[in-house]
Protein backbone atom coordinates (compact mmCIF):
# COMPACT_ATOMS: atom_id res chain seq x y z
CA UNK A 1 0.00 0.00 0.00
CA UNK A 2 2.68 2.50 1.01
CA UNK A 3 5.28 1.39 -1.58
CA UNK A 4 3.29 2.61 -4.57
CA UNK A 5 4.58 5.69 -6.38
CA UNK A 6 1.62 7.96 -7.15
CA UNK A 7 1.88 10.79 -9.67
CA UNK A 8 0.55 13.88 -7.88
CA UNK A 9 1.58 16.49 -10.44
CA UNK A 10 -1.14 18.73 -11.89
CA UNK A 11 -3.63 17.82 -9.15
CA UNK A 12 -3.63 21.32 -7.58
CA UNK A 13 -1.19 19.90 -5.04
CA UNK A 14 1.03 22.44 -3.29
CA UNK A 15 3.81 19.93 -2.64
CA UNK A 16 4.31 19.24 -6.36
CA UNK A 17 2.61 22.10 -8.21
CA UNK A 18 4.06 25.00 -6.18
CA UNK A 19 7.71 24.08 -6.75
CA UNK A 20 8.45 26.74 -9.33
CA UNK A 21 6.80 29.42 -7.22
CA UNK A 22 8.81 28.63 -4.08
CA UNK A 23 12.04 27.21 -5.49
CA UNK A 24 12.27 28.70 -8.99
CA UNK A 25 12.39 25.22 -10.55
CA UNK A 26 9.37 23.09 -11.41
CA UNK A 27 11.07 19.72 -11.94
CA UNK A 28 12.47 19.18 -8.45
CA UNK A 29 11.80 16.05 -6.41
CA UNK A 30 9.72 17.40 -3.49
CA UNK A 31 10.39 16.35 0.10
CA UNK A 32 9.17 19.56 1.72
CA UNK A 33 5.44 20.17 2.43
CA UNK A 34 4.36 18.02 5.38
CA UNK A 35 1.83 15.80 3.68
CA UNK A 36 2.25 12.17 2.69
CA UNK A 37 2.52 10.63 -0.77
CA UNK A 38 0.24 7.78 0.32
CA UNK A 39 -3.33 7.14 -0.76
CA UNK A 40 -5.91 7.67 1.93
CA UNK A 41 -7.22 4.43 3.49
CA UNK A 42 -9.69 2.44 1.35
CA UNK A 43 -12.47 2.85 3.91
CA UNK A 44 -12.06 6.63 3.66
CA UNK A 45 -12.12 6.57 -0.14
CA UNK A 46 -15.30 4.52 -0.01
CA UNK A 47 -17.04 6.87 2.43
CA UNK A 48 -16.12 9.99 0.44
CA UNK A 49 -17.04 8.44 -2.91
CA UNK A 50 -20.35 7.24 -1.52
CA UNK A 51 -21.23 10.76 -0.42
CA UNK A 52 -19.98 12.23 -3.72
CA UNK A 53 -22.28 9.91 -5.66
CA UNK A 54 -25.28 11.70 -4.15
CA UNK A 55 -24.47 14.67 -6.47
CA UNK A 56 -25.80 17.37 -4.17
CA UNK A 57 -23.23 19.10 -1.98
CA UNK A 58 -25.20 21.37 0.31
CA UNK A 59 -24.23 22.63 3.73
CA UNK A 60 -22.80 20.01 6.04
CA UNK A 61 -24.41 19.22 9.40
CA UNK A 62 -22.21 18.87 12.45
CA UNK A 63 -24.04 15.92 13.96
CA UNK A 64 -23.40 14.23 17.29
CA UNK A 65 -21.53 11.35 15.64
CA UNK A 66 -18.53 13.54 14.83
CA UNK A 67 -18.14 14.49 18.48
CA UNK A 68 -18.48 10.85 19.54
CA UNK A 69 -15.78 9.87 17.04
CA UNK A 70 -13.36 12.50 18.37
CA UNK A 71 -14.02 11.47 21.98
CA UNK A 72 -13.52 7.77 21.24
CA UNK A 73 -10.30 8.43 19.32
CA UNK A 74 -8.82 10.46 22.17
CA UNK A 75 -9.77 7.82 24.71
CA UNK A 76 -8.54 4.84 22.69
CA UNK A 77 -5.38 6.37 21.26
CA UNK A 78 -4.27 8.66 24.08
CA UNK A 79 -6.14 7.52 27.23
CA UNK A 80 -7.73 10.96 27.44
CA UNK A 81 -11.42 11.19 28.29
CA UNK A 82 -12.99 14.39 27.03
CA UNK A 83 -16.53 15.77 26.94
CA UNK A 84 -18.58 16.95 23.97
CA UNK A 85 -18.94 20.35 25.63
CA UNK A 86 -15.15 20.81 25.45
CA UNK A 87 -14.99 20.51 21.63
CA UNK A 88 -15.17 23.32 19.07
CA UNK A 89 -15.03 22.42 15.38
CA UNK A 90 -13.03 24.60 13.02
CA UNK A 91 -11.96 24.50 9.38
CA UNK A 92 -8.23 24.05 10.00
CA UNK A 93 -5.66 24.03 12.79
CA UNK A 94 -3.92 27.17 11.51
CA UNK A 95 -7.17 29.21 11.40
CA UNK A 96 -7.93 27.89 14.91
CA UNK A 97 -4.48 28.91 16.10
CA UNK A 98 -4.95 32.43 14.75
CA UNK A 99 -8.39 32.62 16.42
CA UNK A 100 -6.81 31.59 19.74
CA UNK A 101 -4.32 34.45 19.49
CA UNK A 102 -7.19 36.93 19.22
CA UNK A 103 -9.34 35.18 21.84
CA UNK A 104 -6.77 34.98 24.64
CA UNK A 105 -4.74 38.17 24.26
CA UNK A 106 -5.03 41.82 23.30
CA UNK A 107 -3.19 43.94 20.75
CA UNK A 108 0.39 44.47 21.90
CA UNK A 109 0.41 41.44 24.23
CA UNK A 110 3.23 38.90 24.01
CA UNK A 111 3.07 35.36 22.64
CA UNK A 112 5.91 32.87 23.19
CA UNK A 113 7.01 30.23 20.68
CA UNK A 114 9.77 27.65 21.10
CA UNK A 115 12.05 27.73 18.07
CA UNK A 116 12.83 26.17 15.67
CA UNK A 117 9.12 25.69 15.10
CA UNK A 118 6.40 25.46 12.45
CA UNK A 119 6.75 28.81 10.71
CA UNK A 120 3.09 29.98 10.24
CA UNK A 121 3.05 30.58 14.00
CA UNK A 122 5.26 33.65 13.51
CA UNK A 123 3.02 35.04 10.78
CA UNK A 124 -0.22 34.86 12.73
CA UNK A 125 1.19 36.33 15.91
CA UNK A 126 2.28 39.37 13.92
CA UNK A 127 -0.88 39.61 11.79
CA UNK A 128 -2.92 39.69 15.01
CA UNK A 129 -0.75 42.61 16.18
CA UNK A 130 0.85 40.71 19.04
CA UNK A 131 4.52 40.71 20.00
CA UNK A 132 6.50 37.58 19.24
CA UNK A 133 8.83 36.25 21.95
CA UNK A 134 11.13 33.32 21.19
CA UNK A 135 12.19 30.68 23.71
CA UNK A 136 14.79 28.70 21.70
CA UNK A 137 15.03 25.00 22.40
CA UNK A 138 18.36 23.68 23.68
CA UNK A 139 20.17 21.31 21.33
CA UNK A 140 22.68 18.60 22.22
CA UNK A 141 23.90 16.39 19.35
CA UNK A 142 20.62 16.93 17.51
CA UNK A 143 18.42 16.20 20.53
CA UNK A 144 16.29 19.12 21.70
CA UNK A 145 14.97 20.01 25.15
CA UNK A 146 13.10 23.01 26.56
CA UNK A 147 15.06 25.86 28.09
CA UNK A 148 12.76 26.61 31.00
CA UNK A 149 15.18 28.96 32.76
CA UNK A 150 15.30 31.14 29.65
CA UNK A 151 11.50 30.90 29.42
CA UNK A 152 11.09 32.27 32.94
CA UNK A 153 13.49 35.11 32.15
CA UNK A 154 11.51 36.46 29.18
CA UNK A 155 8.00 36.39 30.70
CA UNK A 156 6.56 39.83 31.48
CA UNK A 157 3.12 41.04 32.64
CA UNK A 158 2.27 41.38 28.92
CA UNK A 159 2.92 37.68 28.21
CA UNK A 160 -0.48 36.06 27.73
CA UNK A 161 0.06 32.97 25.55
CA UNK A 162 2.62 30.21 25.06
CA UNK A 163 2.36 28.09 21.93
CA UNK A 164 3.40 24.48 22.45
CA UNK A 165 4.15 22.25 19.46
CA UNK A 166 3.55 18.73 20.80
CA UNK A 167 4.86 16.54 19.24
CA UNK A 168 7.32 19.07 17.95
CA UNK A 169 7.65 20.07 14.31
CA UNK A 170 10.39 20.08 13.01
CA UNK A 171 12.66 18.49 15.66
CA UNK A 172 10.44 15.44 16.27
CA UNK A 173 10.36 15.50 20.06
CA UNK A 174 7.62 13.80 22.06
CA UNK A 175 7.73 15.78 25.28
CA UNK A 176 7.76 13.65 28.42
CA UNK A 177 5.06 14.08 31.04
CA UNK A 178 7.69 15.57 33.36
CA UNK A 179 8.74 18.16 30.77
CA UNK A 180 5.12 19.09 30.14
CA UNK A 181 4.37 19.42 33.85
CA UNK A 182 7.36 21.70 34.41
CA UNK A 183 6.34 23.90 31.49
CA UNK A 184 2.69 24.01 32.55
CA UNK A 185 3.55 24.90 36.16
CA UNK A 186 5.40 27.99 34.98
CA UNK A 187 2.41 29.03 32.88
CA UNK A 188 -0.03 28.37 35.73
CA UNK A 189 2.04 30.55 38.05
CA UNK A 190 2.24 33.36 35.48
CA UNK A 191 -1.40 33.05 34.30
CA UNK A 192 -0.39 32.21 30.73
CA UNK A 193 -2.71 30.30 28.40
CA UNK A 194 -1.10 27.43 26.49
CA UNK A 195 -2.18 26.71 22.92
CA UNK A 196 -1.07 23.11 22.40
CA UNK A 197 -0.77 22.14 18.73
CA UNK A 198 -1.06 18.34 18.84
CA UNK A 199 -1.73 17.65 15.16
CA UNK A 200 1.09 15.07 14.98
CA UNK A 201 -0.04 13.23 18.13
CA UNK A 202 -0.95 10.02 16.29
CA UNK A 203 2.34 9.80 14.37
CA UNK A 204 4.47 8.87 17.37
CA UNK A 205 6.99 6.17 18.17
CA UNK A 206 6.87 6.46 21.96
CA UNK A 207 4.29 7.33 24.62
CA UNK A 208 2.53 10.64 23.90
CA UNK A 209 0.81 12.61 26.65
CA UNK A 210 -1.82 15.21 25.69
CA UNK A 211 -0.93 18.27 27.75
CA UNK A 212 -4.46 18.83 29.06
CA UNK A 213 -4.75 15.21 30.22
CA UNK A 214 -2.12 15.69 32.96
CA UNK A 215 -4.38 17.18 35.61
CA UNK A 216 -7.24 19.64 36.09
CA UNK A 217 -4.99 22.62 36.79
CA UNK A 218 -3.06 22.09 33.56
CA UNK A 219 -6.27 21.50 31.61
CA UNK A 220 -7.64 24.78 32.95
CA UNK A 221 -5.00 26.85 31.10
CA UNK A 222 -4.84 24.71 27.94
CA UNK A 223 -6.52 24.79 24.55
CA UNK A 224 -5.62 21.77 22.42
CA UNK A 225 -5.67 21.99 18.62
CA UNK A 226 -5.92 18.80 16.58
CA UNK A 227 -7.13 17.23 13.36
CA UNK A 228 -7.23 13.95 11.48
CA UNK A 229 -5.54 15.77 8.60
CA UNK A 230 -1.93 14.73 9.19
CA UNK A 231 -2.74 11.23 10.43
CA UNK A 232 -4.89 10.19 7.48
CA UNK A 233 -3.49 12.52 4.79
CA UNK A 234 -6.70 14.53 4.45
CA UNK A 235 -5.34 17.98 5.30
CA UNK A 236 -6.92 19.42 2.15
CA UNK A 237 -10.40 18.77 3.56
CA UNK A 238 -9.85 21.45 6.24
CA UNK A 239 -11.45 19.72 9.21
CA UNK A 240 -10.08 20.31 12.70
CA UNK A 241 -11.15 20.85 16.28
CA UNK A 242 -10.18 22.61 19.51
CA UNK A 243 -10.52 21.09 22.99
CA UNK A 244 -10.67 22.90 26.31
CA UNK A 245 -12.40 22.04 29.57
CA UNK A 246 -12.21 25.67 30.70
CA UNK A 247 -15.61 27.03 29.66
CA UNK A 248 -14.47 30.65 29.94
CA UNK A 249 -11.70 29.98 27.42
CA UNK A 250 -14.13 28.05 25.22
CA UNK A 251 -16.72 30.83 25.20
CA UNK A 252 -14.08 33.38 24.20
CA UNK A 253 -12.69 31.10 21.51
CA UNK A 254 -16.11 30.19 20.10
CA UNK A 255 -16.93 33.90 19.85
CA UNK A 256 -13.86 34.52 17.67
CA UNK A 257 -14.37 31.36 15.61
CA UNK A 258 -17.92 32.50 14.85
CA UNK A 259 -16.79 36.07 14.17
CA UNK A 260 -14.20 34.81 11.67
CA UNK A 261 -16.75 32.39 10.12
CA UNK A 262 -14.37 29.43 10.45
CA UNK A 263 -16.79 27.14 12.29
CA UNK A 264 -18.28 25.50 9.20
CA UNK A 265 -16.54 22.33 7.98
CA UNK A 266 -17.41 21.16 4.46
CA UNK A 267 -19.43 17.98 4.11
CA UNK A 268 -16.48 15.87 2.95
CA UNK A 269 -14.31 17.04 5.82
CA UNK A 270 -16.97 16.02 8.33
CA UNK A 271 -17.48 12.60 6.75
CA UNK A 272 -13.75 11.94 6.43
CA UNK A 273 -12.88 12.91 9.99
CA UNK A 274 -15.69 10.80 11.47
CA UNK A 275 -14.90 7.80 9.28
CA UNK A 276 -11.15 8.03 9.97
CA UNK A 277 -11.60 8.10 13.71
CA UNK A 278 -14.15 5.27 13.67
CA UNK A 279 -12.14 2.92 11.45
CA UNK A 280 -8.53 4.03 11.35
CA UNK A 281 -6.68 2.24 14.15
CA UNK A 282 -5.26 -0.70 12.17
CA UNK A 283 -4.35 1.47 9.18
CA UNK A 284 -2.54 3.91 11.48
CA UNK A 285 -0.50 1.11 13.04
CA UNK A 286 0.60 -0.03 9.58
CA UNK A 287 1.41 3.54 8.59
CA UNK A 288 3.59 4.17 11.63
CA UNK A 289 5.48 0.92 11.01
CA UNK A 290 6.21 2.03 7.44
CA UNK A 291 7.23 5.51 8.54
CA UNK A 292 9.71 4.27 11.15
CA UNK A 293 11.18 1.92 8.54
CA UNK A 294 11.70 4.86 6.17
CA UNK A 295 13.15 7.00 8.96
CA UNK A 296 15.60 4.31 10.04
CA UNK A 297 16.62 3.69 6.43
CA UNK A 298 17.21 7.39 5.74
CA UNK A 299 19.21 7.99 8.91
CA UNK A 300 21.37 4.91 8.30
CA UNK A 301 22.28 6.07 4.79
CA UNK A 302 22.95 9.67 5.79
CA UNK A 303 25.12 8.67 8.75
CA UNK A 304 27.05 6.15 6.66
CA UNK A 305 27.72 8.26 3.59
CA UNK A 306 27.59 11.95 4.65
CA UNK A 307 28.56 14.34 7.41
CA UNK A 308 24.95 15.42 7.86
CA UNK A 309 23.86 15.24 11.48
CA UNK A 310 20.35 13.93 12.09
CA UNK A 311 18.73 12.61 15.26
CA UNK A 312 16.05 9.94 15.09
CA UNK A 313 12.69 11.65 15.69
CA UNK A 314 10.31 10.42 18.36
CA UNK A 315 7.34 11.48 16.23
CA UNK A 316 6.35 12.76 12.77
CA UNK A 317 7.78 11.67 9.43
CA UNK A 318 10.11 14.69 9.28
CA UNK A 319 13.90 14.67 9.55
CA UNK A 320 15.74 17.77 10.77
CA UNK A 321 19.00 17.70 8.82
CA UNK A 322 22.03 19.60 10.14
CA UNK A 323 24.63 20.47 7.46
CA UNK A 324 26.88 22.55 9.74
CA UNK A 325 29.89 20.21 9.49
CA UNK A 326 30.35 21.17 5.83
CA UNK A 327 31.42 24.72 6.75
CA UNK A 328 29.31 26.14 3.94
CA UNK A 329 27.15 29.23 4.02
CA UNK A 330 23.48 28.46 4.51
CA UNK A 331 22.55 29.83 1.07
CA UNK A 332 25.27 27.70 -0.55
CA UNK A 333 23.80 24.56 1.03
CA UNK A 334 20.37 25.57 -0.22
CA UNK A 335 21.72 26.15 -3.74
CA UNK A 336 23.38 22.72 -3.85
CA UNK A 337 20.17 21.03 -2.69
CA UNK A 338 18.13 22.72 -5.42
CA UNK A 339 20.56 22.89 -8.35
CA UNK A 340 22.74 19.79 -7.83
CA UNK A 341 20.60 17.44 -5.72
CA UNK A 342 17.47 18.50 -7.60
CA UNK A 343 15.36 18.25 -4.45
CA UNK A 344 13.08 20.58 -2.53
CA UNK A 345 13.48 20.64 1.26
CA UNK A 346 12.07 23.14 3.75
CA UNK A 347 14.61 25.85 4.59
CA UNK A 348 15.50 25.66 8.29
CA UNK A 349 15.80 29.46 8.58
CA UNK A 350 12.03 29.75 8.13
CA UNK A 351 11.58 27.87 11.44
CA UNK A 352 13.58 30.46 13.37
CA UNK A 353 17.11 31.81 13.61
CA UNK A 354 18.34 28.57 15.21
CA UNK A 355 17.32 26.76 12.02
CA UNK A 356 20.46 27.99 10.27
CA UNK A 357 22.34 25.21 8.42
CA UNK A 358 19.28 22.98 8.81
CA UNK A 359 16.76 21.70 6.27
CA UNK A 360 13.62 19.61 6.85
CA UNK A 361 13.13 16.40 4.87
CA UNK A 362 9.77 14.62 4.55
CA UNK A 363 10.15 10.80 4.56
CA UNK A 364 6.45 10.03 4.06
CA UNK A 365 6.73 8.66 0.57
CA UNK A 366 7.49 5.31 -1.05
CA UNK A 367 10.89 3.93 -0.12
CA UNK A 368 11.97 3.94 -3.77
CA UNK A 369 11.09 7.62 -4.17
CA UNK A 370 12.74 8.46 -0.85
CA UNK A 371 15.89 6.78 -2.16
CA UNK A 372 16.02 9.16 -5.11
CA UNK A 373 16.31 12.13 -2.79
CA UNK A 374 18.70 10.39 -0.39
CA UNK A 375 21.02 9.28 -3.19
CA UNK A 376 21.08 12.78 -4.65
CA UNK A 377 22.04 14.18 -1.24
CA UNK A 378 24.71 11.52 -0.73
CA UNK A 379 26.23 12.16 -4.16
CA UNK A 380 26.61 15.89 -3.45
CA UNK A 381 27.42 15.93 0.29
CA UNK A 382 30.11 13.29 0.73
C-alpha cells in the first residue's frame, strides 16, 4: 500500500505544483510540504465516494456522531477522556491557532514560541498585532529540550500565551510528562494560556501525553488543537477541532471562531474525519510501522555516507538535517540542494534563527522515491 509511487503532479497539489513558485524550478523532487505521498485508506475513499455519488453538496451538518468519534479516538489512542462540551469544530488548525491568538490576548500582548518551530506561527502572531517572543530550544547532538530557565526570564506582565508544538515540528520530540508538567507549572504561576498544537499526536513512536490530560490545573489553562488531517493525509479537507475544559476559554474562543466564520466544515471534511476516527486504528498502526522503517533507512544512509547530522525523531515523518559540518554558508547549502541534488526541502531558517544550516526532509513517501532524494544528497554531500 505505502510502496506505490503515485503521480501527484497537476492535481492542484502544493507539494508538487508549487515548486516553481517557491524554489524557482518546477522539476524538483519534493520532500518539503508536510503531507504524505500515500493514498488515503480504502475505507475513507469509499465513504467519500459514496457521499460524492449523491451529487448534491449542500451545507454540512455537524451531527453528534462527529463528536463521539473525536471522543472515542482520544480515549482509545491517548487515554484521554474528554466531553462533547469541550470541543469546538473549526476548518483548519492554523485558522484555529490564529483565532486563539485573538481570543486569549489583546493587541500588543506577548506570545511565546519555542524555536525552531512550524513557521506559520510567527506570521499569525504578527498579523494579530501581538509581539513575538522566542524561547529557543536547547540542542545537544541533535536532541532538543526546553530551556525553561530562559523561558522564565523572558515572561513579562504582557505575556499572555505560550504556543506548544507537541509533538514538535520540526525536531520530532515527544515531550515527556515531566517536561510538560514543568512547562505548565510555569504558565499556571504566570497566568499564561497554552495553545497546544497536537496535530502530529498520532504519528508517534513512543508514549505521547496530551498536555491537558495531565491534571485539572493544567487543563484549565490549555486549549488543544488537533485534526485527522496529518494522520490520514486529508489535510486538504480542512477539518479540525479545539478542545478545552475551561468554559471561559471556550466561550471566548467560540466567539472569535464564529466572528471569523471558520466554524463550518465542508461535508467531505466532516465525513472523512468521522470515518477516519471510527475505522482508522489498524491502518494507522501499519502507517507508523512504514514511517519508522523509512526513517531508520534514511538515517542509516545519511550517517554512513555523509557528514549530515540527524537525530532519530520520536514522532512525525520529518527529519531535521544539520549540514553545519560542511562549513558552507546556509545559502550555498540551499543552492546545492536545489541545483545539484534536484530536491526541494524546507529551509530551516524559516523555522527560526536557530534553524540555520538545517533543512527539513519529509520521509512520508514510497521507499523507492525516498531513495532518489537520499542518493542525490549523498552524491553531493560526501
